[in-house]
């Protein structure tokens, strides 16, 4: 049975840990609010741009722009894996890494390169056989300029037919306690819907022409979709960290209560033993 000194030290250690987890929860809550504001501000623009491009792309020949052309089969692809730079956020990083591995295994591409965003993805996959094209830390990636640089590089390789597709695996923010892992295709750009042959085709007058509109908007669409993915992942990371630190703080409280109860029981047993010894000694002296 541990001594009262050991239990007091353990209680003091758990209390110190509880203060750290509580502080980390407050920091994550503050960062989450800023991340949510940026993410919610980006969603309407990304959704509107997607609808405009889907409408235009449905009414033009698929060969009007190389970013719309899907190559079958897809031999060489790039998988963008978005994780966090740090841990202490529950299963946030593990879920993304597991989903990326399952996605690669299920599709059985001939050639796969990884573009890892986040230190955790880089640390995991650099010990594996899959080559890493590039690694970017989240602190650097949360910038439209960096997202544009990455997107331009991917677009160039896709147009030059060095790669046949680009996919992104990330955590989509749902709520404070829920993050949904998604594996979306970034290139080639998917046409959201196909024209219904049973309905009369409705076309519009474009100025400039649809080809020029696609040439201008499609690269911007890729850049902003990648930027939106980074914002979604950043908000989901802070939500996961806040939830994990709240659970850790609660567990620390439960452990402190248990250790305090154990300490009181041991102390009471020691006092009872001393009283019995005193009473026995007094009885023997009579």
Foldseek 3Di string as FASTA:
>chain_A
DDDLVVLVVVLVVLVVVLVVLVVLLVVLVVLLVVLVVVLVVLVVVLVVLLVVLLVLCQPDDQVLDLLSDADPPFAEEEEEQEAAQDDLLPCFNVVSLVVVVVVCVVVVHNAYEYEYEYNVNVVPPVPDDHHHPYYHYLVVCLDLVNLLVVLVVVVVCCVVVVGRWYWYWAWADDDLADTDIDIGTLTSDDNPDHDDPVDDDDDDDDVVDSSVVCVVSVSVSSSSVSSSRSSRRSSNRSSSNSVSSVVSSVVSVVVSVVSVVVSVVVVVVVVVVVVVVVVVVVVVVD
